[in-house]
Amino acid sequence: MGLVLATAALGAVAQESRVGYINTQRITTESGPAKAAQTKLEQEFSKRQKELADLQPSLKSMGEKLERDAPTLTESQRLNRQKELTDQNREFQRKRREFEEDLNARRNEELQQVLDKANKAVKQVADAEKYDLIIQEVVYSNTKHDITEKVLKLLNSGAK
């Protein structure tokens, strides 16, 4: 009986698994593909962002002017300016909402491409170094199991 248990224990030691983990947040912020995606998004959306930023002060000054001039305006003039301010504010909010939706959709597309490349790099590292299991996001692990740096190097080298 003891011999059977000893043999089973030796078999378990001989079949020790290699486990590693990656920090996905580091991959999506520090890798070359992630930085390239961020630059691409900034270039793609900078014009619209500037347009929105330029509209905001004009809306504010329009509201201040209405408050300042309100006592001297006739009722119909005041109502017309309020309506104009409300319409422009509504248009600004619509543009801002569309901008945010478009930006989030594109950010998600770019992030998915980065994650696809990262998954390929993880697979390459796992195959090359004979890992049995790679985990994303762990609560605690000894840093000797962290392969994030290896994956980042592979991603930054341009390997597919």
N, C-alpha and C. Protein backbone atom coordinates (compact mmCIF):
# COMPACT_ATOMS: atom_id res chain seq x y z
N MET A 1 0.83 -1.19 0.00
CA MET A 1 0.00 0.00 0.00
C MET A 1 0.88 1.26 0.00
N GLY A 2 1.91 1.27 0.85
CA GLY A 2 2.83 2.41 0.93
C GLY A 2 3.57 2.61 -0.38
N LEU A 3 3.94 1.51 -1.04
CA LEU A 3 4.64 1.59 -2.31
C LEU A 3 3.76 2.21 -3.38
N VAL A 4 2.48 1.89 -3.37
CA VAL A 4 1.53 2.44 -4.34
C VAL A 4 1.40 3.95 -4.13
N LEU A 5 1.28 4.38 -2.87
CA LEU A 5 1.17 5.82 -2.58
C LEU A 5 2.44 6.57 -2.96
N ALA A 6 3.59 5.99 -2.69
CA ALA A 6 4.86 6.63 -3.05
C ALA A 6 4.99 6.76 -4.55
N THR A 7 4.61 5.75 -5.27
CA THR A 7 4.66 5.78 -6.73
C THR A 7 3.72 6.85 -7.27
N ALA A 8 2.53 6.96 -6.70
CA ALA A 8 1.56 7.96 -7.13
C ALA A 8 2.09 9.37 -6.86
N ALA A 9 2.73 9.56 -5.70
CA ALA A 9 3.29 10.87 -5.36
C ALA A 9 4.42 11.26 -6.32
N LEU A 10 5.28 10.29 -6.66
CA LEU A 10 6.35 10.57 -7.61
C LEU A 10 5.79 10.91 -8.99
N GLY A 11 4.75 10.22 -9.38
CA GLY A 11 4.10 10.50 -10.67
C GLY A 11 3.53 11.90 -10.71
N ALA A 12 2.96 12.35 -9.60
CA ALA A 12 2.39 13.69 -9.52
C ALA A 12 3.49 14.75 -9.61
N VAL A 13 4.62 14.52 -8.95
CA VAL A 13 5.74 15.46 -9.00
C VAL A 13 6.31 15.51 -10.41
N ALA A 14 6.40 14.37 -11.06
CA ALA A 14 6.95 14.32 -12.41
C ALA A 14 6.07 15.07 -13.40
N GLN A 15 4.79 15.15 -13.12
CA GLN A 15 3.86 15.82 -14.03
C GLN A 15 3.52 17.23 -13.55
N GLU A 16 4.45 17.89 -12.89
CA GLU A 16 4.23 19.24 -12.38
C GLU A 16 3.88 20.18 -13.52
N SER A 17 2.89 20.98 -13.29
CA SER A 17 2.42 21.91 -14.32
C SER A 17 3.13 23.25 -14.20
N ARG A 18 3.32 23.89 -15.35
CA ARG A 18 3.86 25.25 -15.37
C ARG A 18 2.69 26.20 -15.55
N VAL A 19 2.60 27.15 -14.64
CA VAL A 19 1.51 28.11 -14.66
C VAL A 19 2.10 29.51 -14.72
N GLY A 20 1.50 30.37 -15.51
CA GLY A 20 1.91 31.76 -15.60
C GLY A 20 0.69 32.66 -15.64
N TYR A 21 0.92 33.94 -15.46
CA TYR A 21 -0.18 34.88 -15.59
C TYR A 21 0.31 36.14 -16.29
N ILE A 22 -0.67 36.87 -16.84
CA ILE A 22 -0.36 38.15 -17.47
C ILE A 22 -1.26 39.23 -16.86
N ASN A 23 -0.74 40.43 -16.86
CA ASN A 23 -1.48 41.59 -16.39
C ASN A 23 -2.04 42.28 -17.64
N THR A 24 -3.31 42.10 -17.90
CA THR A 24 -3.94 42.62 -19.11
C THR A 24 -3.90 44.14 -19.15
N GLN A 25 -4.02 44.77 -18.00
CA GLN A 25 -3.99 46.24 -17.98
C GLN A 25 -2.64 46.76 -18.48
N ARG A 26 -1.57 46.12 -18.08
CA ARG A 26 -0.25 46.54 -18.57
C ARG A 26 -0.16 46.33 -20.08
N ILE A 27 -0.68 45.22 -20.55
CA ILE A 27 -0.64 44.92 -21.99
C ILE A 27 -1.39 46.00 -22.76
N THR A 28 -2.57 46.41 -22.25
CA THR A 28 -3.39 47.38 -22.98
C THR A 28 -2.95 48.83 -22.80
N THR A 29 -1.95 49.06 -21.95
CA THR A 29 -1.46 50.43 -21.80
C THR A 29 0.00 50.59 -22.19
N GLU A 30 0.82 49.55 -22.03
CA GLU A 30 2.26 49.68 -22.24
C GLU A 30 2.76 49.09 -23.55
N SER A 31 1.97 48.26 -24.19
CA SER A 31 2.47 47.61 -25.41
C SER A 31 2.49 48.58 -26.59
N GLY A 32 3.37 48.28 -27.53
CA GLY A 32 3.45 49.08 -28.75
C GLY A 32 2.13 49.16 -29.50
N PRO A 33 1.45 48.02 -29.73
CA PRO A 33 0.17 48.09 -30.42
C PRO A 33 -0.87 48.94 -29.68
N ALA A 34 -0.86 48.89 -28.35
CA ALA A 34 -1.81 49.69 -27.57
C ALA A 34 -1.51 51.18 -27.71
N LYS A 35 -0.23 51.53 -27.66
CA LYS A 35 0.16 52.93 -27.82
C LYS A 35 -0.15 53.43 -29.23
N ALA A 36 0.07 52.58 -30.22
CA ALA A 36 -0.25 52.95 -31.60
C ALA A 36 -1.75 53.16 -31.77
N ALA A 37 -2.55 52.30 -31.14
CA ALA A 37 -4.00 52.44 -31.22
C ALA A 37 -4.45 53.73 -30.56
N GLN A 38 -3.84 54.08 -29.43
CA GLN A 38 -4.19 55.32 -28.74
C GLN A 38 -3.86 56.53 -29.61
N THR A 39 -2.71 56.52 -30.22
CA THR A 39 -2.31 57.62 -31.11
C THR A 39 -3.27 57.72 -32.29
N LYS A 40 -3.63 56.59 -32.85
CA LYS A 40 -4.56 56.55 -33.98
C LYS A 40 -5.92 57.16 -33.59
N LEU A 41 -6.41 56.79 -32.40
CA LEU A 41 -7.69 57.33 -31.93
C LEU A 41 -7.61 58.83 -31.69
N GLU A 42 -6.50 59.28 -31.11
CA GLU A 42 -6.34 60.72 -30.86
C GLU A 42 -6.35 61.49 -32.17
N GLN A 43 -5.66 60.97 -33.18
CA GLN A 43 -5.64 61.65 -34.48
C GLN A 43 -7.02 61.64 -35.12
N GLU A 44 -7.70 60.52 -35.01
CA GLU A 44 -9.00 60.36 -35.64
C GLU A 44 -10.07 61.25 -35.01
N PHE A 45 -9.99 61.47 -33.70
CA PHE A 45 -11.05 62.18 -33.00
C PHE A 45 -10.66 63.58 -32.52
N SER A 46 -9.44 64.01 -32.77
CA SER A 46 -9.00 65.31 -32.26
C SER A 46 -9.80 66.47 -32.86
N LYS A 47 -10.13 66.40 -34.13
CA LYS A 47 -10.87 67.49 -34.77
C LYS A 47 -12.25 67.67 -34.13
N ARG A 48 -12.96 66.56 -33.95
CA ARG A 48 -14.29 66.64 -33.34
C ARG A 48 -14.20 67.10 -31.88
N GLN A 49 -13.17 66.65 -31.20
CA GLN A 49 -13.00 67.04 -29.80
C GLN A 49 -12.74 68.55 -29.71
N LYS A 50 -11.94 69.07 -30.64
CA LYS A 50 -11.66 70.51 -30.66
C LYS A 50 -12.92 71.30 -30.97
N GLU A 51 -13.73 70.81 -31.91
CA GLU A 51 -14.98 71.49 -32.24
C GLU A 51 -15.89 71.59 -31.02
N LEU A 52 -15.98 70.50 -30.26
CA LEU A 52 -16.80 70.52 -29.06
C LEU A 52 -16.23 71.48 -28.02
N ALA A 53 -14.93 71.46 -27.88
CA ALA A 53 -14.28 72.36 -26.92
C ALA A 53 -14.49 73.82 -27.31
N ASP A 54 -14.53 74.10 -28.60
CA ASP A 54 -14.74 75.46 -29.08
C ASP A 54 -16.19 75.91 -28.90
N LEU A 55 -17.14 74.99 -28.94
CA LEU A 55 -18.55 75.34 -28.79
C LEU A 55 -18.90 75.70 -27.34
N GLN A 56 -18.25 75.07 -26.40
CA GLN A 56 -18.59 75.25 -25.01
C GLN A 56 -18.49 76.70 -24.53
N PRO A 57 -17.40 77.39 -24.80
CA PRO A 57 -17.32 78.79 -24.34
C PRO A 57 -18.37 79.70 -24.99
N SER A 58 -18.70 79.44 -26.25
CA SER A 58 -19.70 80.29 -26.91
C SER A 58 -21.08 80.09 -26.28
N LEU A 59 -21.38 78.85 -25.88
CA LEU A 59 -22.65 78.61 -25.19
C LEU A 59 -22.67 79.31 -23.84
N LYS A 60 -21.56 79.26 -23.14
CA LYS A 60 -21.48 79.91 -21.84
C LYS A 60 -21.65 81.42 -21.98
N SER A 61 -20.95 82.00 -22.95
CA SER A 61 -21.06 83.46 -23.12
C SER A 61 -22.46 83.85 -23.57
N MET A 62 -23.09 83.00 -24.35
CA MET A 62 -24.46 83.27 -24.79
C MET A 62 -25.41 83.28 -23.59
N GLY A 63 -25.23 82.33 -22.67
CA GLY A 63 -26.05 82.29 -21.46
C GLY A 63 -25.81 83.48 -20.57
N GLU A 64 -24.53 83.88 -20.43
CA GLU A 64 -24.20 85.05 -19.61
C GLU A 64 -24.79 86.32 -20.22
N LYS A 65 -24.73 86.43 -21.54
CA LYS A 65 -25.28 87.61 -22.23
C LYS A 65 -26.79 87.69 -22.03
N LEU A 66 -27.45 86.52 -22.09
CA LEU A 66 -28.90 86.49 -21.87
C LEU A 66 -29.23 86.96 -20.46
N GLU A 67 -28.49 86.48 -19.47
CA GLU A 67 -28.73 86.90 -18.09
C GLU A 67 -28.49 88.40 -17.92
N ARG A 68 -27.43 88.89 -18.52
CA ARG A 68 -27.07 90.30 -18.41
C ARG A 68 -28.11 91.20 -19.10
N ASP A 69 -28.59 90.77 -20.28
CA ASP A 69 -29.51 91.60 -21.07
C ASP A 69 -30.98 91.37 -20.72
N ALA A 70 -31.29 90.33 -19.98
CA ALA A 70 -32.69 89.96 -19.71
C ALA A 70 -33.54 91.12 -19.19
N PRO A 71 -33.05 91.93 -18.25
CA PRO A 71 -33.91 93.02 -17.74
C PRO A 71 -34.30 94.06 -18.80
N THR A 72 -33.48 94.22 -19.81
CA THR A 72 -33.76 95.25 -20.83
C THR A 72 -34.48 94.70 -22.05
N LEU A 73 -34.64 93.38 -22.13
CA LEU A 73 -35.29 92.77 -23.30
C LEU A 73 -36.80 92.72 -23.12
N THR A 74 -37.49 92.76 -24.26
CA THR A 74 -38.93 92.54 -24.21
C THR A 74 -39.17 91.06 -23.95
N GLU A 75 -40.37 90.73 -23.58
CA GLU A 75 -40.70 89.33 -23.27
C GLU A 75 -40.44 88.43 -24.47
N SER A 76 -40.84 88.85 -25.66
CA SER A 76 -40.65 88.02 -26.85
C SER A 76 -39.17 87.88 -27.20
N GLN A 77 -38.38 88.97 -27.02
CA GLN A 77 -36.94 88.89 -27.28
C GLN A 77 -36.27 87.91 -26.30
N ARG A 78 -36.66 88.00 -25.03
CA ARG A 78 -36.08 87.13 -24.01
C ARG A 78 -36.42 85.67 -24.32
N LEU A 79 -37.68 85.42 -24.68
CA LEU A 79 -38.10 84.05 -25.00
C LEU A 79 -37.37 83.51 -26.23
N ASN A 80 -37.18 84.39 -27.25
CA ASN A 80 -36.45 83.97 -28.46
C ASN A 80 -35.01 83.60 -28.13
N ARG A 81 -34.36 84.43 -27.32
CA ARG A 81 -32.97 84.13 -26.94
C ARG A 81 -32.87 82.86 -26.09
N GLN A 82 -33.82 82.68 -25.19
CA GLN A 82 -33.83 81.46 -24.37
C GLN A 82 -34.01 80.23 -25.26
N LYS A 83 -34.92 80.34 -26.22
CA LYS A 83 -35.15 79.22 -27.13
C LYS A 83 -33.89 78.93 -27.95
N GLU A 84 -33.25 80.01 -28.44
CA GLU A 84 -32.02 79.84 -29.23
C GLU A 84 -30.92 79.19 -28.38
N LEU A 85 -30.79 79.64 -27.14
CA LEU A 85 -29.79 79.06 -26.24
C LEU A 85 -30.11 77.59 -25.95
N THR A 86 -31.36 77.29 -25.71
CA THR A 86 -31.78 75.91 -25.45
C THR A 86 -31.52 75.02 -26.66
N ASP A 87 -31.85 75.53 -27.85
CA ASP A 87 -31.62 74.76 -29.07
C ASP A 87 -30.13 74.49 -29.29
N GLN A 88 -29.31 75.53 -29.10
CA GLN A 88 -27.87 75.34 -29.29
C GLN A 88 -27.28 74.41 -28.23
N ASN A 89 -27.77 74.50 -27.01
CA ASN A 89 -27.31 73.62 -25.95
C ASN A 89 -27.70 72.17 -26.26
N ARG A 90 -28.91 71.97 -26.74
CA ARG A 90 -29.38 70.63 -27.11
C ARG A 90 -28.51 70.06 -28.24
N GLU A 91 -28.19 70.91 -29.23
CA GLU A 91 -27.35 70.48 -30.35
C GLU A 91 -25.95 70.12 -29.85
N PHE A 92 -25.42 70.93 -28.93
CA PHE A 92 -24.10 70.64 -28.34
C PHE A 92 -24.13 69.30 -27.60
N GLN A 93 -25.15 69.06 -26.81
CA GLN A 93 -25.26 67.81 -26.05
C GLN A 93 -25.37 66.61 -27.01
N ARG A 94 -26.12 66.78 -28.10
CA ARG A 94 -26.26 65.71 -29.08
C ARG A 94 -24.90 65.38 -29.71
N LYS A 95 -24.17 66.43 -30.10
CA LYS A 95 -22.86 66.23 -30.71
C LYS A 95 -21.89 65.58 -29.72
N ARG A 96 -21.94 66.01 -28.47
CA ARG A 96 -21.06 65.44 -27.45
C ARG A 96 -21.37 63.96 -27.23
N ARG A 97 -22.66 63.64 -27.17
CA ARG A 97 -23.09 62.25 -26.98
C ARG A 97 -22.66 61.38 -28.17
N GLU A 98 -22.85 61.88 -29.39
CA GLU A 98 -22.43 61.14 -30.58
C GLU A 98 -20.91 60.94 -30.59
N PHE A 99 -20.18 61.99 -30.22
CA PHE A 99 -18.73 61.91 -30.14
C PHE A 99 -18.31 60.81 -29.17
N GLU A 100 -18.88 60.82 -27.98
CA GLU A 100 -18.52 59.82 -26.97
C GLU A 100 -18.88 58.40 -27.41
N GLU A 101 -20.04 58.25 -28.05
CA GLU A 101 -20.44 56.93 -28.54
C GLU A 101 -19.50 56.44 -29.63
N ASP A 102 -19.17 57.31 -30.57
CA ASP A 102 -18.26 56.95 -31.65
C ASP A 102 -16.87 56.62 -31.11
N LEU A 103 -16.39 57.45 -30.19
CA LEU A 103 -15.08 57.22 -29.60
C LEU A 103 -15.04 55.89 -28.85
N ASN A 104 -16.06 55.61 -28.06
CA ASN A 104 -16.10 54.35 -27.31
C ASN A 104 -16.16 53.14 -28.25
N ALA A 105 -16.93 53.25 -29.31
CA ALA A 105 -17.02 52.14 -30.26
C ALA A 105 -15.66 51.89 -30.92
N ARG A 106 -15.00 52.96 -31.36
CA ARG A 106 -13.68 52.81 -32.00
C ARG A 106 -12.64 52.32 -31.01
N ARG A 107 -12.71 52.82 -29.76
CA ARG A 107 -11.77 52.39 -28.73
C ARG A 107 -11.93 50.88 -28.49
N ASN A 108 -13.16 50.42 -28.45
CA ASN A 108 -13.41 48.99 -28.27
C ASN A 108 -12.88 48.17 -29.44
N GLU A 109 -13.03 48.68 -30.66
CA GLU A 109 -12.49 47.99 -31.83
C GLU A 109 -10.97 47.88 -31.75
N GLU A 110 -10.33 48.99 -31.43
CA GLU A 110 -8.87 49.01 -31.34
C GLU A 110 -8.39 48.12 -30.19
N LEU A 111 -9.08 48.16 -29.07
CA LEU A 111 -8.72 47.34 -27.91
C LEU A 111 -8.83 45.86 -28.27
N GLN A 112 -9.85 45.50 -29.01
CA GLN A 112 -10.01 44.10 -29.40
C GLN A 112 -8.85 43.64 -30.29
N GLN A 113 -8.40 44.52 -31.17
CA GLN A 113 -7.25 44.18 -32.02
C GLN A 113 -5.98 44.00 -31.19
N VAL A 114 -5.80 44.88 -30.19
CA VAL A 114 -4.64 44.76 -29.30
C VAL A 114 -4.72 43.44 -28.53
N LEU A 115 -5.90 43.11 -28.03
CA LEU A 115 -6.06 41.87 -27.26
C LEU A 115 -5.86 40.63 -28.13
N ASP A 116 -6.29 40.71 -29.39
CA ASP A 116 -6.05 39.59 -30.31
C ASP A 116 -4.55 39.36 -30.51
N LYS A 117 -3.82 40.45 -30.71
CA LYS A 117 -2.36 40.35 -30.86
C LYS A 117 -1.73 39.84 -29.58
N ALA A 118 -2.21 40.32 -28.45
CA ALA A 118 -1.67 39.88 -27.15
C ALA A 118 -1.92 38.40 -26.94
N ASN A 119 -3.10 37.93 -27.31
CA ASN A 119 -3.40 36.50 -27.15
C ASN A 119 -2.48 35.64 -28.00
N LYS A 120 -2.17 36.11 -29.20
CA LYS A 120 -1.22 35.37 -30.04
C LYS A 120 0.17 35.35 -29.41
N ALA A 121 0.57 36.49 -28.85
CA ALA A 121 1.88 36.57 -28.19
C ALA A 121 1.92 35.67 -26.95
N VAL A 122 0.83 35.64 -26.19
CA VAL A 122 0.75 34.76 -25.02
C VAL A 122 0.88 33.31 -25.45
N LYS A 123 0.21 32.96 -26.52
CA LYS A 123 0.28 31.58 -27.04
C LYS A 123 1.71 31.24 -27.45
N GLN A 124 2.39 32.19 -28.10
CA GLN A 124 3.78 31.95 -28.50
C GLN A 124 4.68 31.72 -27.28
N VAL A 125 4.53 32.56 -26.26
CA VAL A 125 5.33 32.40 -25.05
C VAL A 125 5.00 31.08 -24.38
N ALA A 126 3.73 30.76 -24.29
CA ALA A 126 3.31 29.50 -23.65
C ALA A 126 3.87 28.29 -24.39
N ASP A 127 3.81 28.33 -25.70
CA ASP A 127 4.34 27.20 -26.49
C ASP A 127 5.86 27.11 -26.37
N ALA A 128 6.53 28.24 -26.46
CA ALA A 128 7.99 28.25 -26.44
C ALA A 128 8.55 27.82 -25.08
N GLU A 129 7.85 28.20 -24.02
CA GLU A 129 8.36 27.90 -22.69
C GLU A 129 7.61 26.78 -21.98
N LYS A 130 6.77 26.10 -22.73
CA LYS A 130 6.06 24.91 -22.24
C LYS A 130 5.17 25.18 -21.01
N TYR A 131 4.40 26.27 -21.07
CA TYR A 131 3.43 26.54 -20.00
C TYR A 131 2.20 25.69 -20.25
N ASP A 132 1.62 25.20 -19.15
CA ASP A 132 0.39 24.42 -19.24
C ASP A 132 -0.85 25.30 -19.09
N LEU A 133 -0.67 26.41 -18.38
CA LEU A 133 -1.81 27.27 -18.08
C LEU A 133 -1.33 28.72 -17.95
N ILE A 134 -2.02 29.63 -18.63
CA ILE A 134 -1.76 31.06 -18.50
C ILE A 134 -3.06 31.70 -18.04
N ILE A 135 -2.99 32.50 -16.99
CA ILE A 135 -4.17 33.11 -16.39
C ILE A 135 -4.07 34.62 -16.54
N GLN A 136 -5.22 35.25 -16.79
CA GLN A 136 -5.28 36.71 -16.81
C GLN A 136 -5.86 37.16 -15.48
N GLU A 137 -5.33 38.26 -14.96
CA GLU A 137 -5.85 38.89 -13.76
C GLU A 137 -5.98 37.92 -12.58
N VAL A 138 -5.01 37.94 -11.74
CA VAL A 138 -5.02 37.11 -10.54
C VAL A 138 -5.08 38.01 -9.31
N VAL A 139 -5.57 37.47 -8.22
CA VAL A 139 -5.62 38.22 -6.98
C VAL A 139 -4.23 38.28 -6.36
N TYR A 140 -3.55 37.15 -6.36
CA TYR A 140 -2.19 37.11 -5.84
C TYR A 140 -1.41 36.02 -6.55
N SER A 141 -0.16 36.30 -6.82
CA SER A 141 0.75 35.30 -7.36
C SER A 141 2.16 35.79 -7.12
N ASN A 142 3.04 34.86 -6.96
CA ASN A 142 4.46 35.18 -6.87
C ASN A 142 4.87 35.75 -8.23
N THR A 143 5.71 36.76 -8.23
CA THR A 143 6.08 37.42 -9.49
C THR A 143 6.84 36.49 -10.43
N LYS A 144 7.35 35.37 -9.93
CA LYS A 144 8.05 34.44 -10.82
C LYS A 144 7.10 33.84 -11.86
N HIS A 145 5.80 33.93 -11.62
CA HIS A 145 4.81 33.39 -12.56
C HIS A 145 4.32 34.43 -13.57
N ASP A 146 4.73 35.68 -13.39
CA ASP A 146 4.28 36.77 -14.25
C ASP A 146 5.06 36.75 -15.57
N ILE A 147 4.36 36.54 -16.66
CA ILE A 147 5.00 36.52 -17.99
C ILE A 147 4.64 37.77 -18.79
N THR A 148 4.06 38.77 -18.13
CA THR A 148 3.64 39.99 -18.82
C THR A 148 4.79 40.64 -19.56
N GLU A 149 5.95 40.72 -18.92
CA GLU A 149 7.11 41.36 -19.55
C GLU A 149 7.52 40.64 -20.83
N LYS A 150 7.47 39.32 -20.82
CA LYS A 150 7.82 38.54 -22.01
C LYS A 150 6.83 38.82 -23.14
N VAL A 151 5.55 38.90 -22.79
CA VAL A 151 4.51 39.17 -23.79
C VAL A 151 4.69 40.59 -24.34
N LEU A 152 4.98 41.55 -23.46
CA LEU A 152 5.20 42.93 -23.92
C LEU A 152 6.39 43.00 -24.88
N LYS A 153 7.46 42.31 -24.56
CA LYS A 153 8.63 42.32 -25.45
C LYS A 153 8.27 41.75 -26.80
N LEU A 154 7.51 40.67 -26.80
CA LEU A 154 7.11 40.03 -28.06
C LEU A 154 6.19 40.98 -28.87
N LEU A 155 5.24 41.61 -28.18
CA LEU A 155 4.35 42.54 -28.87
C LEU A 155 5.11 43.75 -29.41
N ASN A 156 6.03 44.27 -28.62
CA ASN A 156 6.78 45.47 -29.03
C ASN A 156 7.80 45.17 -30.12
N SER A 157 8.16 43.91 -30.25
CA SER A 157 9.11 43.56 -31.31
C SER A 157 8.42 43.47 -32.67
N GLY A 158 7.08 43.53 -32.65
CA GLY A 158 6.34 43.51 -33.91
C GLY A 158 6.00 42.12 -34.37
N ALA A 159 6.27 41.10 -33.54
CA ALA A 159 5.95 39.73 -33.92
C ALA A 159 4.44 39.57 -34.01
N LYS A 160 4.04 38.81 -34.97
CA LYS A 160 2.60 38.57 -35.16
C LYS A 160 2.18 37.31 -34.45
